[in-house]
């Protein structure tokens, strides 16, 4: 998988450019047809990335390394006042 620094996402491999004739946007299905895994930086955490894959196609190609408990940050959408 190509290196993708935090905050920068490209559906293309290193050095690969988007076809100039392509008008329609690239979909998640397009990405998964080209790559076994797609990784997108989290919009809510500097420590997290979103890993997208077809479980049946990626079976045996990954292993759990770390997992953190989910903690919802309500600062963006605070609960209604009582």
Protein backbone atom coordinates (compact mmCIF):
# COMPACT_ATOMS: atom_id res chain seq x y z
CA UNK A 1 0.00 0.00 0.00
CA UNK A 2 1.33 3.47 -0.76
CA UNK A 3 2.42 5.70 2.11
CA UNK A 4 -0.24 8.29 2.85
CA UNK A 5 0.72 10.97 5.41
CA UNK A 6 -1.87 12.04 7.94
CA UNK A 7 -4.37 14.46 6.52
CA UNK A 8 -3.65 13.52 2.89
CA UNK A 9 -5.64 10.91 1.01
CA UNK A 10 -5.24 9.88 -2.58
CA UNK A 11 -6.99 6.96 -4.24
CA UNK A 12 -3.98 6.60 -6.53
CA UNK A 13 -0.75 4.72 -5.92
CA UNK A 14 2.50 6.67 -5.53
CA UNK A 15 3.16 8.63 -8.72
CA UNK A 16 -0.05 7.55 -10.41
CA UNK A 17 -2.22 10.35 -11.79
CA UNK A 18 -5.97 10.49 -12.31
CA UNK A 19 -6.99 9.87 -15.90
CA UNK A 20 -7.56 13.26 -17.51
CA UNK A 21 -10.64 12.00 -19.39
CA UNK A 22 -12.42 10.80 -16.25
CA UNK A 23 -15.37 13.01 -15.38
CA UNK A 24 -17.24 11.01 -12.75
CA UNK A 25 -15.88 10.86 -9.18
CA UNK A 26 -14.16 7.74 -7.91
CA UNK A 27 -16.45 5.68 -5.68
CA UNK A 28 -15.64 3.39 -2.80
CA UNK A 29 -16.49 0.44 -5.05
CA UNK A 30 -13.92 1.70 -7.57
CA UNK A 31 -11.26 1.89 -4.85
CA UNK A 32 -12.04 -1.58 -3.52
CA UNK A 33 -11.80 -3.06 -7.02
CA UNK A 34 -8.25 -1.65 -7.29
CA UNK A 35 -7.03 -2.11 -3.70
CA UNK A 36 -7.61 -4.80 -1.07
CA UNK A 37 -7.65 -2.13 1.65
CA UNK A 38 -8.59 1.56 1.59
CA UNK A 39 -7.47 3.76 4.48
CA UNK A 40 -8.91 7.23 5.12
CA UNK A 41 -7.81 9.53 7.97
CA UNK A 42 -10.42 10.02 10.65
CA UNK A 43 -12.20 13.35 10.70
CA UNK A 44 -12.68 13.15 14.47
CA UNK A 45 -9.43 11.74 15.84
CA UNK A 46 -5.76 12.36 15.12
CA UNK A 47 -5.06 8.81 16.35
CA UNK A 48 -7.47 6.97 14.08
CA UNK A 49 -7.84 5.93 10.46
CA UNK A 50 -10.87 4.36 8.83
CA UNK A 51 -10.02 1.00 7.29
CA UNK A 52 -12.39 -0.14 4.53
CA UNK A 53 -12.28 -3.62 3.00
CA UNK A 54 -14.39 -6.50 1.73
CA UNK A 55 -14.11 -9.06 4.52
CA UNK A 56 -14.42 -12.03 2.17
CA UNK A 57 -11.60 -10.74 -0.07
CA UNK A 58 -9.26 -9.64 2.73
CA UNK A 59 -9.61 -12.75 4.92
CA UNK A 60 -6.21 -13.69 6.35
CA UNK A 61 -4.54 -10.48 5.10
CA UNK A 62 -4.83 -8.54 8.35
CA UNK A 63 -4.57 -8.95 12.11
CA UNK A 64 -5.67 -6.77 15.03
CA UNK A 65 -2.77 -4.68 16.30
CA UNK A 66 -4.45 -2.22 18.67
CA UNK A 67 -7.94 -1.14 19.54
CA UNK A 68 -9.06 1.72 21.74
CA UNK A 69 -12.39 2.11 23.47
CA UNK A 70 -14.76 4.41 21.59
CA UNK A 71 -15.39 7.74 23.32
CA UNK A 72 -17.95 10.12 21.81
CA UNK A 73 -16.87 13.77 21.94
CA UNK A 74 -20.06 15.79 22.39
CA UNK A 75 -18.44 19.23 21.96
CA UNK A 76 -19.64 19.50 18.36
CA UNK A 77 -23.18 18.39 19.18
CA UNK A 78 -23.78 18.88 22.90
CA UNK A 79 -26.81 17.21 24.46
CA UNK A 80 -29.87 19.48 24.72
CA UNK A 81 -30.12 21.61 27.85
CA UNK A 82 -32.58 20.36 30.46
